Amino acid sequence: MLDIEAPAVARKALPGQFVVLRVDERGERIPVTVADYDRAAGTVTVVVMAVGTTTRKLAMLEEGDALPTFVGPLGNPTHVDKFGTVVCIGGGVGTAMTYPVARAMREAGNEVVTIAGWRNQGLIFWEDRLREVSDELIVCTDDGSCGRKGVVTNPLQEMLEAGRRVDLVIAIGPAIMMKFVSLTTKPHGVKTVVSLNPIMIDGTGMCGGCRVEVGGETKFACVDGPEFDGHLVDWDLLFQRQRSYLDQERQSLALFEQHVCRIDGKPATAPTAP
């Protein structure tokens, strides 16, 4: 978790939006969803999992360090209204992005049920924050080490089959999770919004890497989204596009791990969890 001093971004940021940042002058530009913002303090909070080269570099930053690029807020914000009962579903790191959405939905007068899923208890974070902005919080872990054992679609399916009123579902997390949330709600006719941040690359619409088919039309996740109707997304095509740069990502990480980071001479290793 990083709190970035960026008053201009904090002043305009809204739930569902993202920023584009670079860790150093030669670094790649990556889009990262806004997890929180404090307009009074002028800060924006982002949460990342240290997996690839850039996110590992981010995890190595210390208090007082600076980023050469922090652009935003970008993308269309979440449409917030009084819908009734809103189920916010977060998976893994996507749970952090669920937080401002759940907060805004509750402030708008909705009943908010949050379902948060992680692989295991050691990866859980912000449970207290999510509980504060939810009328009901359901925690799931794949291995059952905390909360319910299983995936986030299990309690969602139970709610729908029990006839519980659900007016809107918003899912943020791994693409595969968002696909199965959409498949779960579609037979029940429940509107489902997904955030396609995982497919974005440049974040400005210029690279074309985030092309996705929605309702038979080509959209750009970063400028037309990042939120779309989950029932209309061509998930199979999205998964193919996600794998487009896997080889380059592996090569970059291998080179990074073989060398010592030149910033302050720190070892080129970092924690693999937020």
Protein backbone atom coordinates (compact mmCIF):
# COMPACT_ATOMS: atom_id res chain seq x y z
CA MET A 1 0.00 0.00 0.00
CA LEU A 2 1.37 3.38 -0.99
CA ASP A 3 0.04 6.82 -0.06
CA ILE A 4 1.10 9.17 -2.82
CA GLU A 5 1.12 12.92 -2.28
CA ALA A 6 -0.70 14.17 -5.35
CA PRO A 7 -3.12 16.99 -4.41
CA ALA A 8 -4.38 17.64 -7.95
CA VAL A 9 -5.27 13.98 -8.45
CA ALA A 10 -6.78 13.60 -4.97
CA ARG A 11 -8.98 16.65 -5.57
CA LYS A 12 -10.68 15.06 -8.62
CA ALA A 13 -10.47 11.28 -7.97
CA LEU A 14 -13.70 9.28 -7.84
CA PRO A 15 -14.47 5.59 -7.18
CA GLY A 16 -13.65 3.34 -10.12
CA GLN A 17 -10.98 5.58 -11.64
CA PHE A 18 -7.28 4.84 -12.05
CA VAL A 19 -3.90 6.52 -12.40
CA VAL A 20 -0.94 5.83 -14.67
CA LEU A 21 2.46 5.82 -13.00
CA ARG A 22 6.14 5.12 -13.58
CA VAL A 23 8.58 4.02 -10.90
CA ASP A 24 11.65 5.57 -12.56
CA GLU A 25 12.57 7.59 -15.64
CA ARG A 26 13.16 4.48 -17.78
CA GLY A 27 10.27 2.52 -16.33
CA GLU A 28 7.11 1.41 -18.10
CA ARG A 29 3.82 3.23 -17.62
CA ILE A 30 1.29 1.09 -15.77
CA PRO A 31 -2.34 1.76 -14.84
CA VAL A 32 -3.23 1.27 -11.17
CA THR A 33 -6.73 1.67 -9.75
CA VAL A 34 -7.32 4.26 -7.06
CA ALA A 35 -7.97 2.45 -3.78
CA ASP A 36 -8.66 5.57 -1.73
CA TYR A 37 -8.10 9.32 -1.67
CA ASP A 38 -7.92 12.02 0.95
CA ARG A 39 -8.77 15.41 -0.50
CA ALA A 40 -7.80 17.28 2.68
CA ALA A 41 -4.38 15.61 2.93
CA GLY A 42 -3.90 15.67 -0.84
CA THR A 43 -3.02 11.98 -1.02
CA VAL A 44 -4.04 9.07 -3.23
CA THR A 45 -3.76 5.47 -2.02
CA VAL A 46 -2.88 2.59 -4.32
CA VAL A 47 -2.45 -1.09 -3.48
CA VAL A 48 -0.45 -3.50 -5.66
CA MET A 49 0.70 -7.10 -5.54
CA ALA A 50 4.45 -7.37 -6.14
CA VAL A 51 4.43 -9.81 -9.05
CA GLY A 52 6.18 -8.34 -12.10
CA THR A 53 9.15 -6.01 -12.53
CA THR A 54 7.35 -2.71 -12.02
CA THR A 55 5.21 -3.81 -9.07
CA ARG A 56 8.29 -5.23 -7.35
CA LYS A 57 10.03 -1.91 -7.82
CA LEU A 58 7.00 -0.18 -6.33
CA ALA A 59 7.16 -2.47 -3.30
CA MET A 60 10.78 -1.40 -2.72
CA LEU A 61 9.95 2.30 -2.41
CA GLU A 62 10.34 3.92 0.98
CA GLU A 63 8.79 6.91 2.67
CA GLY A 64 9.93 10.10 0.97
CA ASP A 65 10.69 8.50 -2.41
CA ALA A 66 9.14 10.06 -5.51
CA LEU A 67 7.56 8.85 -8.75
CA PRO A 68 8.42 10.65 -12.00
CA THR A 69 4.92 10.04 -13.37
CA PHE A 70 1.58 9.92 -11.55
CA VAL A 71 -1.19 10.90 -13.97
CA GLY A 72 -4.89 10.91 -13.26
CA PRO A 73 -7.60 10.47 -12.43
CA LEU A 74 -8.32 8.56 -15.63
CA GLY A 75 -11.25 6.46 -16.83
CA ASN A 76 -14.94 6.86 -16.18
CA PRO A 77 -15.96 6.74 -12.51
CA THR A 78 -18.40 4.21 -11.14
CA HIS A 79 -22.03 5.20 -11.70
CA VAL A 80 -23.28 5.78 -8.17
CA ASP A 81 -27.01 6.02 -7.49
CA LYS A 82 -29.61 4.65 -5.13
CA PHE A 83 -30.19 1.22 -6.66
CA GLY A 84 -31.40 -0.69 -3.60
CA THR A 85 -29.24 -3.64 -2.64
CA VAL A 86 -25.75 -3.54 -4.14
CA VAL A 87 -23.37 -6.49 -3.88
CA CYS A 88 -19.72 -5.43 -4.19
CA ILE A 89 -17.36 -8.31 -4.92
CA GLY A 90 -13.59 -8.00 -4.62
CA GLY A 91 -10.97 -10.60 -5.39
CA GLY A 92 -7.38 -10.42 -4.13
CA VAL A 93 -5.82 -7.00 -4.66
CA GLY A 94 -9.08 -5.97 -6.36
CA THR A 95 -10.59 -5.86 -2.89
CA ALA A 96 -8.83 -2.55 -2.27
CA MET A 97 -10.56 -1.03 -5.29
CA THR A 98 -13.89 -2.33 -4.01
CA TYR A 99 -13.57 -0.19 -0.90
CA PRO A 100 -14.27 3.30 -2.36
CA VAL A 101 -17.08 1.87 -4.51
CA ALA A 102 -18.80 0.23 -1.52
CA ARG A 103 -18.37 3.43 0.51
CA ALA A 104 -19.92 5.59 -2.22
CA MET A 105 -22.82 3.17 -2.73
CA ARG A 106 -23.63 3.15 0.96
CA GLU A 107 -23.41 6.93 1.18
CA ALA A 108 -25.96 7.03 -1.66
CA GLY A 109 -28.42 5.13 0.52
CA ASN A 110 -27.95 1.58 -0.76
CA GLU A 111 -27.80 -1.59 1.29
CA VAL A 112 -24.26 -2.80 0.60
CA VAL A 113 -23.23 -6.43 0.82
CA THR A 114 -19.51 -6.94 0.25
CA ILE A 115 -18.05 -10.31 -0.66
CA ALA A 116 -14.25 -10.33 -0.45
CA GLY A 117 -12.12 -13.27 -1.51
CA TRP A 118 -8.44 -14.14 -1.09
CA ARG A 119 -6.35 -17.27 -1.63
CA ASN A 120 -5.51 -17.57 2.07
CA GLN A 121 -5.61 -15.70 5.38
CA GLY A 122 -2.08 -14.35 4.96
CA LEU A 123 -3.18 -12.24 2.00
CA ILE A 124 -6.17 -10.61 3.69
CA PHE A 125 -6.07 -6.84 4.17
CA TRP A 126 -8.52 -3.98 4.77
CA GLU A 127 -11.12 -6.27 6.29
CA ASP A 128 -11.86 -3.60 8.90
CA ARG A 129 -12.28 -0.90 6.27
CA LEU A 130 -14.67 -3.03 4.21
CA ARG A 131 -16.73 -3.85 7.28
CA GLU A 132 -17.10 -0.13 8.08
CA VAL A 133 -18.67 0.63 4.66
CA SER A 134 -20.79 -2.52 4.33
CA ASP A 135 -24.08 -3.58 5.88
CA GLU A 136 -22.81 -7.14 5.55
CA LEU A 137 -19.30 -8.45 4.86
CA ILE A 138 -18.64 -12.01 3.70
CA VAL A 139 -14.99 -13.12 3.68
CA CYS A 140 -13.94 -16.10 1.56
CA THR A 141 -10.61 -17.90 1.27
CA ASP A 142 -9.74 -20.61 -1.22
CA ASP A 143 -8.19 -22.81 1.49
CA GLY A 144 -10.69 -22.02 4.26
CA SER A 145 -8.05 -20.46 6.52
CA CYS A 146 -10.39 -17.54 7.24
CA GLY A 147 -14.10 -16.97 6.75
CA ARG A 148 -15.89 -19.24 4.31
CA LYS A 149 -13.97 -21.81 2.33
CA GLY A 150 -14.44 -21.41 -1.39
CA VAL A 151 -14.76 -18.76 -4.06
CA VAL A 152 -16.78 -15.54 -3.99
CA THR A 153 -19.44 -16.86 -6.36
CA ASN A 154 -20.62 -19.39 -3.76
CA PRO A 155 -22.31 -16.93 -1.35
CA LEU A 156 -23.52 -14.89 -4.35
CA GLN A 157 -25.17 -17.97 -5.82
CA GLU A 158 -26.80 -18.74 -2.47
CA MET A 159 -28.22 -15.23 -2.20
CA LEU A 160 -29.70 -15.38 -5.68
CA GLU A 161 -31.14 -18.88 -5.31
CA ALA A 162 -32.70 -17.93 -1.98
CA GLY A 163 -34.59 -15.15 -3.74
CA ARG A 164 -32.81 -12.39 -1.86
CA ARG A 165 -33.19 -9.05 -3.56
CA VAL A 166 -30.07 -7.97 -5.44
CA ASP A 167 -30.37 -4.88 -7.64
CA LEU A 168 -26.76 -4.53 -8.77
CA VAL A 169 -23.52 -6.49 -8.61
CA ILE A 170 -20.13 -4.83 -9.03
CA ALA A 171 -17.11 -7.13 -9.39
CA ILE A 172 -13.47 -6.03 -9.26
CA GLY A 173 -10.57 -8.47 -9.35
CA PRO A 174 -8.98 -11.14 -11.54
CA ALA A 175 -10.62 -11.49 -14.95
CA ILE A 176 -11.51 -15.13 -14.36
CA MET A 177 -13.34 -14.18 -11.16
CA MET A 178 -15.29 -11.43 -12.90
CA LYS A 179 -16.28 -13.83 -15.70
CA PHE A 180 -17.75 -16.36 -13.28
CA VAL A 181 -19.53 -13.65 -11.28
CA SER A 182 -21.16 -12.57 -14.55
CA LEU A 183 -22.09 -16.17 -15.40
CA THR A 184 -23.62 -16.55 -11.94
CA THR A 185 -25.83 -13.47 -12.17
CA LYS A 186 -26.88 -13.73 -15.83
CA PRO A 187 -29.55 -16.46 -15.37
CA HIS A 188 -31.13 -14.30 -12.65
CA GLY A 189 -31.13 -11.14 -14.77
CA VAL A 190 -29.14 -9.13 -12.23
CA LYS A 191 -27.20 -6.23 -13.73
CA THR A 192 -23.49 -6.88 -13.28
CA VAL A 193 -20.72 -4.34 -13.71
CA VAL A 194 -17.10 -5.47 -14.06
CA SER A 195 -13.90 -3.43 -14.01
CA LEU A 196 -11.55 -4.43 -16.82
CA ASN A 197 -8.40 -2.94 -15.34
CA PRO A 198 -6.48 -6.25 -15.66
CA ILE A 199 -6.32 -5.89 -19.45
CA MET A 200 -5.08 -2.30 -19.56
CA ILE A 201 -1.49 -1.49 -20.49
CA ASP A 202 -0.78 2.14 -21.37
CA GLY A 203 -4.00 3.51 -19.93
CA THR A 204 -4.50 6.31 -22.47
CA GLY A 205 -6.14 4.57 -25.43
CA MET A 206 -3.09 5.05 -27.68
CA CYS A 207 -1.49 1.60 -27.48
CA GLY A 208 -4.63 -0.39 -28.33
CA GLY A 209 -3.61 -3.18 -25.96
CA CYS A 210 -6.85 -3.02 -23.97
CA ARG A 211 -9.23 -3.67 -26.86
CA VAL A 212 -12.16 -5.72 -25.68
CA GLU A 213 -15.39 -6.78 -27.33
CA VAL A 214 -18.51 -5.70 -25.46
CA GLY A 215 -21.90 -6.50 -26.95
CA GLY A 216 -20.27 -7.16 -30.31
CA GLU A 217 -18.55 -3.76 -30.38
CA THR A 218 -14.86 -3.04 -29.92
CA LYS A 219 -14.15 -0.93 -26.85
CA PHE A 220 -11.01 0.35 -25.16
CA ALA A 221 -11.01 -0.53 -21.47
CA CYS A 222 -9.05 2.56 -20.43
CA VAL A 223 -11.05 5.28 -22.19
CA ASP A 224 -14.47 3.67 -22.68
CA GLY A 225 -14.34 1.99 -19.27
CA PRO A 226 -12.88 0.62 -17.17
CA GLU A 227 -16.36 -0.57 -16.13
CA PHE A 228 -18.60 -2.54 -18.49
CA ASP A 229 -21.64 -4.79 -18.46
CA GLY A 230 -20.21 -8.18 -17.50
CA HIS A 231 -22.93 -10.01 -19.41
CA LEU A 232 -21.79 -8.43 -22.69
CA VAL A 233 -18.01 -8.90 -22.40
CA ASP A 234 -16.35 -11.46 -24.70
CA TRP A 235 -14.33 -13.09 -21.92
CA ASP A 236 -12.54 -15.64 -24.10
CA LEU A 237 -11.17 -12.89 -26.33
CA LEU A 238 -10.16 -10.90 -23.27
CA PHE A 239 -8.19 -13.85 -21.87
CA GLN A 240 -6.34 -14.21 -25.18
CA ARG A 241 -5.34 -10.55 -25.13
CA GLN A 242 -4.16 -10.84 -21.51
CA ARG A 243 -1.62 -13.45 -22.58
CA SER A 244 -0.22 -11.33 -25.43
CA TYR A 245 2.86 -10.11 -23.54
CA LEU A 246 3.53 -12.97 -21.14
CA ASP A 247 6.90 -13.81 -22.72
CA GLN A 248 8.10 -10.21 -22.51
CA GLU A 249 6.91 -9.94 -18.91
CA ARG A 250 8.81 -13.10 -17.95
CA GLN A 251 11.97 -11.87 -19.69
CA SER A 252 11.77 -8.51 -17.92
CA LEU A 253 11.34 -10.13 -14.52
CA ALA A 254 14.19 -12.58 -15.14
CA LEU A 255 16.56 -9.71 -15.99
CA PHE A 256 15.40 -7.74 -12.97
CA GLU A 257 15.99 -10.65 -10.61
CA GLN A 258 19.50 -11.25 -12.01
CA HIS A 259 20.70 -7.76 -11.18
CA VAL A 260 20.89 -5.48 -8.19
CA CYS A 261 18.51 -2.55 -8.27
CA ARG A 262 20.51 0.60 -8.98
CA ILE A 263 18.32 2.69 -6.71
CA ASP A 264 20.22 2.97 -3.40
CA GLY A 265 21.89 -0.37 -4.14
CA LYS A 266 18.99 -2.41 -2.78
CA PRO A 267 18.69 -6.10 -3.66
CA ALA A 268 16.34 -6.76 -6.56
CA THR A 269 13.89 -8.74 -4.50
CA ALA A 270 10.67 -7.69 -2.81
CA PRO A 271 7.78 -9.21 -0.90
CA THR A 272 5.24 -11.04 -3.04
CA ALA A 273 2.21 -9.86 -1.10
CA PRO A 274 0.84 -6.39 -0.34
